[in-house]
């Protein structure tokens, strides 16, 4: 009999408070950067440069977080596949299921 260890990962969900804090922090920092860009004494080309920088930084932050999440999910899937292969090898090569009449 093969003993199966339950090694499923527990879904890691964030709390509502952490989610709200993250959204507020992101919104506040983006708003502060935009207000600074609009009201600081700068030439128009400098204002445009800062605006494009804010836009690029924001979009690359979302892209980076997606890539990190995708790699983590891929690593979990690969670990599950490897675990299933090992369990199958163990199940296929169980020494207690061999025919004992040949040994006598």
PDB file of N, CA and C in Angstrom:
ATOM      1  N   UNK A   1       0.842  -1.173   0.000  1.00  0.00           N
ATOM      2  CA  UNK A   1       0.000   0.000   0.000  1.00  0.00           C
ATOM      3  C   UNK A   1       0.889   1.239   0.000  1.00  0.00           C
ATOM      4  N   UNK A   2       0.637   2.102  -0.916  1.00  0.00           N
ATOM      5  CA  UNK A   2       1.435   3.313  -1.043  1.00  0.00           C
ATOM      6  C   UNK A   2       0.823   4.413  -0.194  1.00  0.00           C
ATOM      7  N   UNK A   3       1.640   4.959   0.685  1.00  0.00           N
ATOM      8  CA  UNK A   3       1.180   6.066   1.520  1.00  0.00           C
ATOM      9  C   UNK A   3       1.364   7.358   0.721  1.00  0.00           C
ATOM     10  N   UNK A   4       0.324   8.100   0.590  1.00  0.00           N
ATOM     11  CA  UNK A   4       0.380   9.351  -0.163  1.00  0.00           C
ATOM     12  C   UNK A   4       0.427  10.518   0.816  1.00  0.00           C
ATOM     13  N   UNK A   5       1.501  11.274   0.729  1.00  0.00           N
ATOM     14  CA  UNK A   5       1.605  12.470   1.563  1.00  0.00           C
ATOM     15  C   UNK A   5       0.910  13.615   0.846  1.00  0.00           C
ATOM     16  N   UNK A   6       0.101  14.318   1.542  1.00  0.00           N
ATOM     17  CA  UNK A   6      -0.601  15.452   0.967  1.00  0.00           C
ATOM     18  C   UNK A   6       0.314  16.666   1.040  1.00  0.00           C
ATOM     19  N   UNK A   7       0.890  17.031  -0.102  1.00  0.00           N
ATOM     20  CA  UNK A   7       1.830  18.151  -0.132  1.00  0.00           C
ATOM     21  C   UNK A   7       1.285  19.313  -0.949  1.00  0.00           C
ATOM     22  N   UNK A   8      -0.011  19.398  -1.054  1.00  0.00           N
ATOM     23  CA  UNK A   8      -0.588  20.518  -1.794  1.00  0.00           C
ATOM     24  C   UNK A   8      -0.255  21.820  -1.080  1.00  0.00           C
ATOM     25  N   UNK A   9      -0.025  22.839  -1.880  1.00  0.00           N
ATOM     26  CA  UNK A   9       0.270  24.136  -1.287  1.00  0.00           C
ATOM     27  C   UNK A   9      -1.027  24.810  -0.867  1.00  0.00           C
ATOM     28  N   UNK A  10      -0.945  25.500   0.223  1.00  0.00           N
ATOM     29  CA  UNK A  10      -2.097  26.236   0.717  1.00  0.00           C
ATOM     30  C   UNK A  10      -2.191  27.532  -0.087  1.00  0.00           C
ATOM     31  N   UNK A  11      -3.359  27.824  -0.640  1.00  0.00           N
ATOM     32  CA  UNK A  11      -3.472  29.071  -1.403  1.00  0.00           C
ATOM     33  C   UNK A  11      -3.130  30.271  -0.525  1.00  0.00           C
ATOM     34  N   UNK A  12      -2.245  31.088  -1.035  1.00  0.00           N
ATOM     35  CA  UNK A  12      -1.810  32.253  -0.278  1.00  0.00           C
ATOM     36  C   UNK A  12      -2.626  33.458  -0.730  1.00  0.00           C
ATOM     37  N   UNK A  13      -3.616  33.794   0.033  1.00  0.00           N
ATOM     38  CA  UNK A  13      -4.432  34.946  -0.322  1.00  0.00           C
ATOM     39  C   UNK A  13      -4.095  36.094   0.620  1.00  0.00           C
ATOM     40  N   UNK A  14      -4.165  37.278   0.061  1.00  0.00           N
ATOM     41  CA  UNK A  14      -3.897  38.448   0.883  1.00  0.00           C
ATOM     42  C   UNK A  14      -5.175  38.863   1.599  1.00  0.00           C
ATOM     43  N   UNK A  15      -4.998  39.497   2.710  1.00  0.00           N
ATOM     44  CA  UNK A  15      -6.159  39.982   3.448  1.00  0.00           C
ATOM     45  C   UNK A  15      -6.719  41.219   2.748  1.00  0.00           C
ATOM     46  N   UNK A  16      -7.959  41.521   3.042  1.00  0.00           N
ATOM     47  CA  UNK A  16      -8.594  42.701   2.450  1.00  0.00           C
ATOM     48  C   UNK A  16      -7.871  43.973   2.878  1.00  0.00           C
ATOM     49  N   UNK A  17      -7.422  44.013   4.126  1.00  0.00           N
ATOM     50  CA  UNK A  17      -6.720  45.201   4.626  1.00  0.00           C
ATOM     51  C   UNK A  17      -5.403  45.422   3.882  1.00  0.00           C
ATOM     52  N   UNK A  18      -4.664  44.345   3.613  1.00  0.00           N
ATOM     53  CA  UNK A  18      -3.398  44.477   2.890  1.00  0.00           C
ATOM     54  C   UNK A  18      -3.648  44.916   1.451  1.00  0.00           C
ATOM     55  N   UNK A  19      -4.685  44.373   0.832  1.00  0.00           N
ATOM     56  CA  UNK A  19      -5.030  44.760  -0.531  1.00  0.00           C
ATOM     57  C   UNK A  19      -5.383  46.243  -0.591  1.00  0.00           C
ATOM     58  N   UNK A  20      -6.227  46.689   0.334  1.00  0.00           N
ATOM     59  CA  UNK A  20      -6.637  48.098   0.361  1.00  0.00           C
ATOM     60  C   UNK A  20      -5.435  49.005   0.623  1.00  0.00           C
ATOM     61  N   UNK A  21      -4.562  48.603   1.547  1.00  0.00           N
ATOM     62  CA  UNK A  21      -3.365  49.397   1.843  1.00  0.00           C
ATOM     63  C   UNK A  21      -2.476  49.492   0.610  1.00  0.00           C
ATOM     64  N   UNK A  22      -2.343  48.403  -0.131  1.00  0.00           N
ATOM     65  CA  UNK A  22      -1.515  48.407  -1.338  1.00  0.00           C
ATOM     66  C   UNK A  22      -2.093  49.325  -2.406  1.00  0.00           C
ATOM     67  N   UNK A  23      -3.400  49.261  -2.600  1.00  0.00           N
ATOM     68  CA  UNK A  23      -4.053  50.118  -3.596  1.00  0.00           C
ATOM     69  C   UNK A  23      -3.914  51.588  -3.210  1.00  0.00           C
ATOM     70  N   UNK A  24      -4.126  51.899  -1.935  1.00  0.00           N
ATOM     71  CA  UNK A  24      -4.010  53.291  -1.476  1.00  0.00           C
ATOM     72  C   UNK A  24      -2.572  53.788  -1.630  1.00  0.00           C
ATOM     73  N   UNK A  25      -1.602  52.961  -1.266  1.00  0.00           N
ATOM     74  CA  UNK A  25      -0.196  53.365  -1.382  1.00  0.00           C
ATOM     75  C   UNK A  25       0.184  53.594  -2.842  1.00  0.00           C
ATOM     76  N   UNK A  26      -0.262  52.708  -3.727  1.00  0.00           N
ATOM     77  CA  UNK A  26       0.038  52.877  -5.149  1.00  0.00           C
ATOM     78  C   UNK A  26      -0.613  54.151  -5.680  1.00  0.00           C
ATOM     79  N   UNK A  27      -1.881  54.350  -5.350  1.00  0.00           N
ATOM     80  CA  UNK A  27      -2.584  55.543  -5.819  1.00  0.00           C
ATOM     81  C   UNK A  27      -1.972  56.823  -5.289  1.00  0.00           C
ATOM     82  N   UNK A  28      -1.600  56.830  -4.017  1.00  0.00           N
ATOM     83  CA  UNK A  28      -1.010  58.029  -3.414  1.00  0.00           C
ATOM     84  C   UNK A  28       0.346  58.349  -4.041  1.00  0.00           C
ATOM     85  N   UNK A  29       1.159  57.335  -4.256  1.00  0.00           N
ATOM     86  CA  UNK A  29       2.481  57.596  -4.837  1.00  0.00           C
ATOM     87  C   UNK A  29       2.369  58.051  -6.288  1.00  0.00           C
ATOM     88  N   UNK A  30       1.453  57.447  -7.048  1.00  0.00           N
ATOM     89  CA  UNK A  30       1.265  57.869  -8.435  1.00  0.00           C
ATOM     90  C   UNK A  30       0.701  59.289  -8.490  1.00  0.00           C
ATOM     91  N   UNK A  31      -0.265  59.590  -7.626  1.00  0.00           N
ATOM     92  CA  UNK A  31      -0.847  60.935  -7.590  1.00  0.00           C
ATOM     93  C   UNK A  31       0.199  61.974  -7.192  1.00  0.00           C
ATOM     94  N   UNK A  32       1.036  61.654  -6.210  1.00  0.00           N
ATOM     95  CA  UNK A  32       2.074  62.595  -5.779  1.00  0.00           C
ATOM     96  C   UNK A  32       3.068  62.861  -6.905  1.00  0.00           C
ATOM     97  N   UNK A  33       3.427  61.821  -7.640  1.00  0.00           N
ATOM     98  CA  UNK A  33       4.361  62.006  -8.748  1.00  0.00           C
ATOM     99  C   UNK A  33       3.741  62.867  -9.847  1.00  0.00           C
ATOM    100  N   UNK A  34       2.465  62.640 -10.141  1.00  0.00           N
ATOM    101  CA  UNK A  34       1.797  63.425 -11.188  1.00  0.00           C
ATOM    102  C   UNK A  34       1.617  64.879 -10.750  1.00  0.00           C
ATOM    103  N   UNK A  35       1.216  65.093  -9.501  1.00  0.00           N
ATOM    104  CA  UNK A  35       1.067  66.464  -8.992  1.00  0.00           C
ATOM    105  C   UNK A  35       2.414  67.179  -9.016  1.00  0.00           C
ATOM    106  N   UNK A  36       3.465  66.482  -8.615  1.00  0.00           N
ATOM    107  CA  UNK A  36       4.796  67.081  -8.671  1.00  0.00           C
ATOM    108  C   UNK A  36       5.192  67.433 -10.086  1.00  0.00           C
ATOM    109  N   UNK A  37       4.873  66.556 -11.027  1.00  0.00           N
ATOM    110  CA  UNK A  37       5.204  66.817 -12.424  1.00  0.00           C
ATOM    111  C   UNK A  37       4.440  68.040 -12.942  1.00  0.00           C
ATOM    112  N   UNK A  38       3.196  68.189 -12.525  1.00  0.00           N
ATOM    113  CA  UNK A  38       2.372  69.286 -13.035  1.00  0.00           C
ATOM    114  C   UNK A  38       2.700  70.632 -12.396  1.00  0.00           C
ATOM    115  N   UNK A  39       3.080  70.653 -11.125  1.00  0.00           N
ATOM    116  CA  UNK A  39       3.212  71.925 -10.406  1.00  0.00           C
ATOM    117  C   UNK A  39       4.649  72.366 -10.129  1.00  0.00           C
ATOM    118  N   UNK A  40       5.627  71.515 -10.326  1.00  0.00           N
ATOM    119  CA  UNK A  40       7.010  71.961 -10.135  1.00  0.00           C
ATOM    120  C   UNK A  40       7.405  72.885 -11.283  1.00  0.00           C
ATOM    121  N   UNK A  41       8.230  73.886 -10.994  1.00  0.00           N
ATOM    122  CA  UNK A  41       8.640  74.803 -12.072  1.00  0.00           C
ATOM    123  C   UNK A  41       9.639  74.117 -13.008  1.00  0.00           C
ATOM    124  N   UNK A  42       9.130  73.697 -14.163  1.00  0.00           N
ATOM    125  CA  UNK A  42       9.969  73.005 -15.151  1.00  0.00           C
ATOM    126  C   UNK A  42       9.609  73.495 -16.545  1.00  0.00           C
ATOM    127  N   UNK A  43      10.529  73.274 -17.451  1.00  0.00           N
ATOM    128  CA  UNK A  43      10.240  73.519 -18.862  1.00  0.00           C
ATOM    129  C   UNK A  43       9.314  72.417 -19.374  1.00  0.00           C
ATOM    130  N   UNK A  44       8.601  72.686 -20.463  1.00  0.00           N
ATOM    131  CA  UNK A  44       7.684  71.660 -20.988  1.00  0.00           C
ATOM    132  C   UNK A  44       8.374  70.345 -21.359  1.00  0.00           C
ATOM    133  N   UNK A  45       9.586  70.416 -21.903  1.00  0.00           N
ATOM    134  CA  UNK A  45      10.253  69.169 -22.282  1.00  0.00           C
ATOM    135  C   UNK A  45      10.628  68.362 -21.043  1.00  0.00           C
ATOM    136  N   UNK A  46      10.971  69.034 -19.944  1.00  0.00           N
ATOM    137  CA  UNK A  46      11.271  68.332 -18.696  1.00  0.00           C
ATOM    138  C   UNK A  46      10.005  67.697 -18.122  1.00  0.00           C
ATOM    139  N   UNK A  47       8.911  68.425 -18.197  1.00  0.00           N
ATOM    140  CA  UNK A  47       7.627  67.904 -17.727  1.00  0.00           C
ATOM    141  C   UNK A  47       7.238  66.657 -18.543  1.00  0.00           C
ATOM    142  N   UNK A  48       7.433  66.728 -19.851  1.00  0.00           N
ATOM    143  CA  UNK A  48       7.146  65.583 -20.720  1.00  0.00           C
ATOM    144  C   UNK A  48       8.029  64.388 -20.390  1.00  0.00           C
ATOM    145  N   UNK A  49       9.307  64.657 -20.141  1.00  0.00           N
ATOM    146  CA  UNK A  49      10.225  63.572 -19.784  1.00  0.00           C
ATOM    147  C   UNK A  49       9.796  62.895 -18.483  1.00  0.00           C
ATOM    148  N   UNK A  50       9.463  63.691 -17.480  1.00  0.00           N
ATOM    149  CA  UNK A  50       9.011  63.135 -16.198  1.00  0.00           C
ATOM    150  C   UNK A  50       7.709  62.357 -16.389  1.00  0.00           C
ATOM    151  N   UNK A  51       6.792  62.879 -17.198  1.00  0.00           N
ATOM    152  CA  UNK A  51       5.526  62.185 -17.456  1.00  0.00           C
ATOM    153  C   UNK A  51       5.735  60.834 -18.119  1.00  0.00           C
ATOM    154  N   UNK A  52       6.592  60.788 -19.127  1.00  0.00           N
ATOM    155  CA  UNK A  52       6.877  59.513 -19.798  1.00  0.00           C
ATOM    156  C   UNK A  52       7.580  58.557 -18.843  1.00  0.00           C
ATOM    157  N   UNK A  53       8.466  59.079 -18.009  1.00  0.00           N
ATOM    158  CA  UNK A  53       9.152  58.244 -17.024  1.00  0.00           C
ATOM    159  C   UNK A  53       8.164  57.640 -16.033  1.00  0.00           C
ATOM    160  N   UNK A  54       7.220  58.434 -15.558  1.00  0.00           N
ATOM    161  CA  UNK A  54       6.201  57.921 -14.632  1.00  0.00           C
ATOM    162  C   UNK A  54       5.368  56.841 -15.311  1.00  0.00           C
ATOM    163  N   UNK A  55       4.959  57.092 -16.547  1.00  0.00           N
ATOM    164  CA  UNK A  55       4.164  56.109 -17.290  1.00  0.00           C
ATOM    165  C   UNK A  55       4.940  54.812 -17.492  1.00  0.00           C
ATOM    166  N   UNK A  56       6.204  54.913 -17.916  1.00  0.00           N
ATOM    167  CA  UNK A  56       7.019  53.724 -18.156  1.00  0.00           C
ATOM    168  C   UNK A  56       7.295  52.969 -16.864  1.00  0.00           C
ATOM    169  N   UNK A  57       7.577  53.685 -15.791  1.00  0.00           N
ATOM    170  CA  UNK A  57       7.835  53.041 -14.504  1.00  0.00           C
ATOM    171  C   UNK A  57       6.603  52.290 -14.012  1.00  0.00           C
ATOM    172  N   UNK A  58       5.437  52.899 -14.169  1.00  0.00           N
ATOM    173  CA  UNK A  58       4.192  52.248 -13.743  1.00  0.00           C
ATOM    174  C   UNK A  58       3.922  50.987 -14.557  1.00  0.00           C
ATOM    175  N   UNK A  59       4.039  51.079 -15.881  1.00  0.00           N
ATOM    176  CA  UNK A  59       3.756  49.903 -16.716  1.00  0.00           C
ATOM    177  C   UNK A  59       4.791  48.805 -16.500  1.00  0.00           C
ATOM    178  N   UNK A  60       6.053  49.159 -16.322  1.00  0.00           N
ATOM    179  CA  UNK A  60       7.070  48.132 -16.099  1.00  0.00           C
ATOM    180  C   UNK A  60       6.921  47.478 -14.729  1.00  0.00           C
ATOM    181  N   UNK A  61       6.387  48.199 -13.754  1.00  0.00           N
ATOM    182  CA  UNK A  61       6.119  47.608 -12.439  1.00  0.00           C
ATOM    183  C   UNK A  61       5.059  46.526 -12.545  1.00  0.00           C
ATOM    184  N   UNK A  62       3.982  46.805 -13.277  1.00  0.00           N
ATOM    185  CA  UNK A  62       2.943  45.790 -13.475  1.00  0.00           C
ATOM    186  C   UNK A  62       3.485  44.589 -14.245  1.00  0.00           C
ATOM    187  N   UNK A  63       4.297  44.841 -15.263  1.00  0.00           N
ATOM    188  CA  UNK A  63       4.875  43.745 -16.043  1.00  0.00           C
ATOM    189  C   UNK A  63       5.792  42.889 -15.184  1.00  0.00           C
ATOM    190  N   UNK A  64       6.635  43.515 -14.392  1.00  0.00           N
ATOM    191  CA  UNK A  64       7.544  42.776 -13.527  1.00  0.00           C
ATOM    192  C   UNK A  64       6.784  41.921 -12.520  1.00  0.00           C
ATOM    193  N   UNK A  65       5.750  42.466 -11.917  1.00  0.00           N
ATOM    194  CA  UNK A  65       4.991  41.678 -10.937  1.00  0.00           C
ATOM    195  C   UNK A  65       4.305  40.495 -11.600  1.00  0.00           C
ATOM    196  N   UNK A  66       3.840  40.639 -12.833  1.00  0.00           N
ATOM    197  CA  UNK A  66       3.223  39.528 -13.551  1.00  0.00           C
ATOM    198  C   UNK A  66       4.254  38.448 -13.868  1.00  0.00           C
ATOM    199  N   UNK A  67       5.442  38.852 -14.296  1.00  0.00           N
ATOM    200  CA  UNK A  67       6.490  37.881 -14.617  1.00  0.00           C
ATOM    201  C   UNK A  67       6.912  37.110 -13.370  1.00  0.00           C
ATOM    202  N   UNK A  68       7.070  37.800 -12.255  1.00  0.00           N
ATOM    203  CA  UNK A  68       7.442  37.128 -11.003  1.00  0.00           C
ATOM    204  C   UNK A  68       6.365  36.130 -10.599  1.00  0.00           C
ATOM    205  N   UNK A  69       5.099  36.530 -10.687  1.00  0.00           N
ATOM    206  CA  UNK A  69       3.992  35.632 -10.342  1.00  0.00           C
ATOM    207  C   UNK A  69       3.957  34.421 -11.275  1.00  0.00           C
ATOM    208  N   UNK A  70       4.141  34.645 -12.582  1.00  0.00           N
ATOM    209  CA  UNK A  70       4.123  33.537 -13.536  1.00  0.00           C
ATOM    210  C   UNK A  70       5.254  32.551 -13.277  1.00  0.00           C
ATOM    211  N   UNK A  71       6.443  33.051 -12.950  1.00  0.00           N
ATOM    212  CA  UNK A  71       7.561  32.147 -12.652  1.00  0.00           C
ATOM    213  C   UNK A  71       7.305  31.335 -11.391  1.00  0.00           C
ATOM    214  N   UNK A  72       6.708  31.955 -10.397  1.00  0.00           N
ATOM    215  CA  UNK A  72       6.399  31.235  -9.163  1.00  0.00           C
ATOM    216  C   UNK A  72       5.368  30.145  -9.430  1.00  0.00           C
ATOM    217  N   UNK A  73       4.337  30.457 -10.210  1.00  0.00           N
ATOM    218  CA  UNK A  73       3.325  29.452 -10.547  1.00  0.00           C
ATOM    219  C   UNK A  73       3.928  28.325 -11.370  1.00  0.00           C
ATOM    220  N   UNK A  74       4.831  28.649 -12.300  1.00  0.00           N
ATOM    221  CA  UNK A  74       5.473  27.628 -13.117  1.00  0.00           C
ATOM    222  C   UNK A  74       6.332  26.711 -12.251  1.00  0.00           C
ATOM    223  N   UNK A  75       7.035  27.261 -11.288  1.00  0.00           N
ATOM    224  CA  UNK A  75       7.856  26.444 -10.393  1.00  0.00           C
ATOM    225  C   UNK A  75       6.987  25.507  -9.572  1.00  0.00           C
ATOM    226  N   UNK A  76       5.815  25.968  -9.136  1.00  0.00           N
ATOM    227  CA  UNK A  76       4.909  25.109  -8.379  1.00  0.00           C
ATOM    228  C   UNK A  76       4.380  23.979  -9.247  1.00  0.00           C
ATOM    229  N   UNK A  77       4.049  24.275 -10.509  1.00  0.00           N
ATOM    230  CA  UNK A  77       3.553  23.237 -11.420  1.00  0.00           C
ATOM    231  C   UNK A  77       4.646  22.207 -11.686  1.00  0.00           C
ATOM    232  N   UNK A  78       5.872  22.664 -11.922  1.00  0.00           N
ATOM    233  CA  UNK A  78       6.974  21.734 -12.182  1.00  0.00           C
ATOM    234  C   UNK A  78       7.241  20.859 -10.963  1.00  0.00           C
ATOM    235  N   UNK A  79       7.141  21.415  -9.768  1.00  0.00           N
ATOM    236  CA  UNK A  79       7.348  20.622  -8.553  1.00  0.00           C
ATOM    237  C   UNK A  79       6.263  19.564  -8.422  1.00  0.00           C
ATOM    238  N   UNK A  80       5.037  19.894  -8.765  1.00  0.00           N
ATOM    239  CA  UNK A  80       3.947  18.918  -8.697  1.00  0.00           C
ATOM    240  C   UNK A  80       4.139  17.808  -9.716  1.00  0.00           C
ATOM    241  N   UNK A  81       4.609  18.159 -10.920  1.00  0.00           N
ATOM    242  CA  UNK A  81       4.861  17.143 -11.945  1.00  0.00           C
ATOM    243  C   UNK A  81       5.974  16.212 -11.488  1.00  0.00           C
ATOM    244  N   UNK A  82       7.056  16.768 -10.950  1.00  0.00           N
ATOM    245  CA  UNK A  82       8.155  15.939 -10.447  1.00  0.00           C
ATOM    246  C   UNK A  82       7.687  15.034  -9.320  1.00  0.00           C
ATOM    247  N   UNK A  83       6.862  15.556  -8.436  1.00  0.00           N
ATOM    248  CA  UNK A  83       6.342  14.752  -7.327  1.00  0.00           C
ATOM    249  C   UNK A  83       5.480  13.605  -7.846  1.00  0.00           C
ATOM    250  N   UNK A  84       4.665  13.873  -8.852  1.00  0.00           N
ATOM    251  CA  UNK A  84       3.819  12.821  -9.424  1.00  0.00           C
ATOM    252  C   UNK A  84       4.671  11.744 -10.081  1.00  0.00           C
ATOM    253  N   UNK A  85       5.753  12.125 -10.742  1.00  0.00           N
ATOM    254  CA  UNK A  85       6.649  11.144 -11.372  1.00  0.00           C
ATOM    255  C   UNK A  85       7.303  10.251 -10.322  1.00  0.00           C
ATOM    256  N   UNK A  86       7.765  10.855  -9.240  1.00  0.00           N
ATOM    257  CA  UNK A  86       8.400  10.076  -8.175  1.00  0.00           C
ATOM    258  C   UNK A  86       7.398   9.118  -7.551  1.00  0.00           C
ATOM    259  N   UNK A  87       6.187   9.589  -7.297  1.00  0.00           N
ATOM    260  CA  UNK A  87       5.165   8.711  -6.716  1.00  0.00           C
ATOM    261  C   UNK A  87       4.837   7.557  -7.648  1.00  0.00           C
ATOM    262  N   UNK A  88       4.809   7.822  -8.944  1.00  0.00           N
ATOM    263  CA  UNK A  88       4.524   6.743  -9.895  1.00  0.00           C
ATOM    264  C   UNK A  88       5.669   5.736  -9.924  1.00  0.00           C
ATOM    265  N   UNK A  89       6.905   6.216  -9.900  1.00  0.00           N
ATOM    266  CA  UNK A  89       8.051   5.303  -9.864  1.00  0.00           C
ATOM    267  C   UNK A  89       8.008   4.422  -8.623  1.00  0.00           C
ATOM    268  N   UNK A  90       7.695   5.021  -7.497  1.00  0.00           N
ATOM    269  CA  UNK A  90       7.616   4.250  -6.252  1.00  0.00           C
ATOM    270  C   UNK A  90       6.482   3.240  -6.331  1.00  0.00           C
ATOM    271  N   UNK A  91       5.351   3.647  -6.863  1.00  0.00           N
ATOM    272  CA  UNK A  91       4.202   2.738  -6.965  1.00  0.00           C
ATOM    273  C   UNK A  91       4.480   1.601  -7.939  1.00  0.00           C
ATOM    274  N   UNK A  92       5.172   1.888  -9.044  1.00  0.00           N
ATOM    275  CA  UNK A  92       5.477   0.852 -10.034  1.00  0.00           C
ATOM    276  C   UNK A  92       6.547  -0.108  -9.551  1.00  0.00           C
ATOM    277  N   UNK A  93       7.370   0.309  -8.629  1.00  0.00           N
ATOM    278  CA  UNK A  93       8.465  -0.530  -8.163  1.00  0.00           C
ATOM    279  C   UNK A  93       8.288  -0.884  -6.686  1.00  0.00           C
ATOM    280  N   UNK A  94       7.102  -1.243  -6.308  1.00  0.00           N
ATOM    281  CA  UNK A  94       6.806  -1.624  -4.929  1.00  0.00           C
ATOM    282  C   UNK A  94       7.322  -3.043  -4.699  1.00  0.00           C
ATOM    283  N   UNK A  95       8.303  -3.260  -3.806  1.00  0.00           N
ATOM    284  CA  UNK A  95       8.889  -4.599  -3.617  1.00  0.00           C
ATOM    285  C   UNK A  95       7.917  -5.599  -2.996  1.00  0.00           C
ATOM    286  N   UNK A  96       6.858  -5.155  -2.400  1.00  0.00           N
ATOM    287  CA  UNK A  96       5.922  -6.064  -1.745  1.00  0.00           C
ATOM    288  C   UNK A  96       4.893  -6.645  -2.701  1.00  0.00           C
ATOM    289  N   UNK A  97       4.858  -6.166  -3.926  1.00  0.00           N
ATOM    290  CA  UNK A  97       3.875  -6.686  -4.876  1.00  0.00           C
ATOM    291  C   UNK A  97       4.463  -7.716  -5.824  1.00  0.00           C
ATOM    292  N   UNK A  98       5.766  -8.026  -5.731  1.00  0.00           N
ATOM    293  CA  UNK A  98       6.371  -9.025  -6.612  1.00  0.00           C
ATOM    294  C   UNK A  98       5.861 -10.421  -6.260  1.00  0.00           C
ATOM    295  N   UNK A  99       5.894 -11.288  -7.230  1.00  0.00           N
ATOM    296  CA  UNK A  99       5.442 -12.668  -7.043  1.00  0.00           C
ATOM    297  C   UNK A  99       6.462 -13.400  -6.172  1.00  0.00           C
ATOM    298  N   UNK A 100       6.056 -13.881  -5.003  1.00  0.00           N
ATOM    299  CA  UNK A 100       6.966 -14.510  -4.053  1.00  0.00           C
ATOM    300  C   UNK A 100       7.153 -15.992  -4.352  1.00  0.00           C
ATOM    301  N   UNK A 101       6.400 -16.565  -5.261  1.00  0.00           N
ATOM    302  CA  UNK A 101       6.537 -18.001  -5.550  1.00  0.00           C
ATOM    303  C   UNK A 101       7.802 -18.290  -6.330  1.00  0.00           C
ATOM    304  N   UNK A 102       8.365 -17.326  -7.059  1.00  0.00           N
ATOM    305  CA  UNK A 102       9.594 -17.547  -7.808  1.00  0.00           C
ATOM    306  C   UNK A 102      10.798 -17.650  -6.882  1.00  0.00           C
ATOM    307  N   UNK A 103      10.735 -17.048  -5.726  1.00  0.00           N
ATOM    308  CA  UNK A 103      11.860 -17.062  -4.802  1.00  0.00           C
ATOM    309  C   UNK A 103      11.967 -18.385  -4.061  1.00  0.00           C
ATOM    310  N   UNK A 104      10.911 -19.166  -3.966  1.00  0.00           N
ATOM    311  CA  UNK A 104      10.929 -20.400  -3.191  1.00  0.00           C
ATOM    312  C   UNK A 104      11.413 -21.580  -3.945  1.00  0.00           C
TER     313      UNK A 104
END
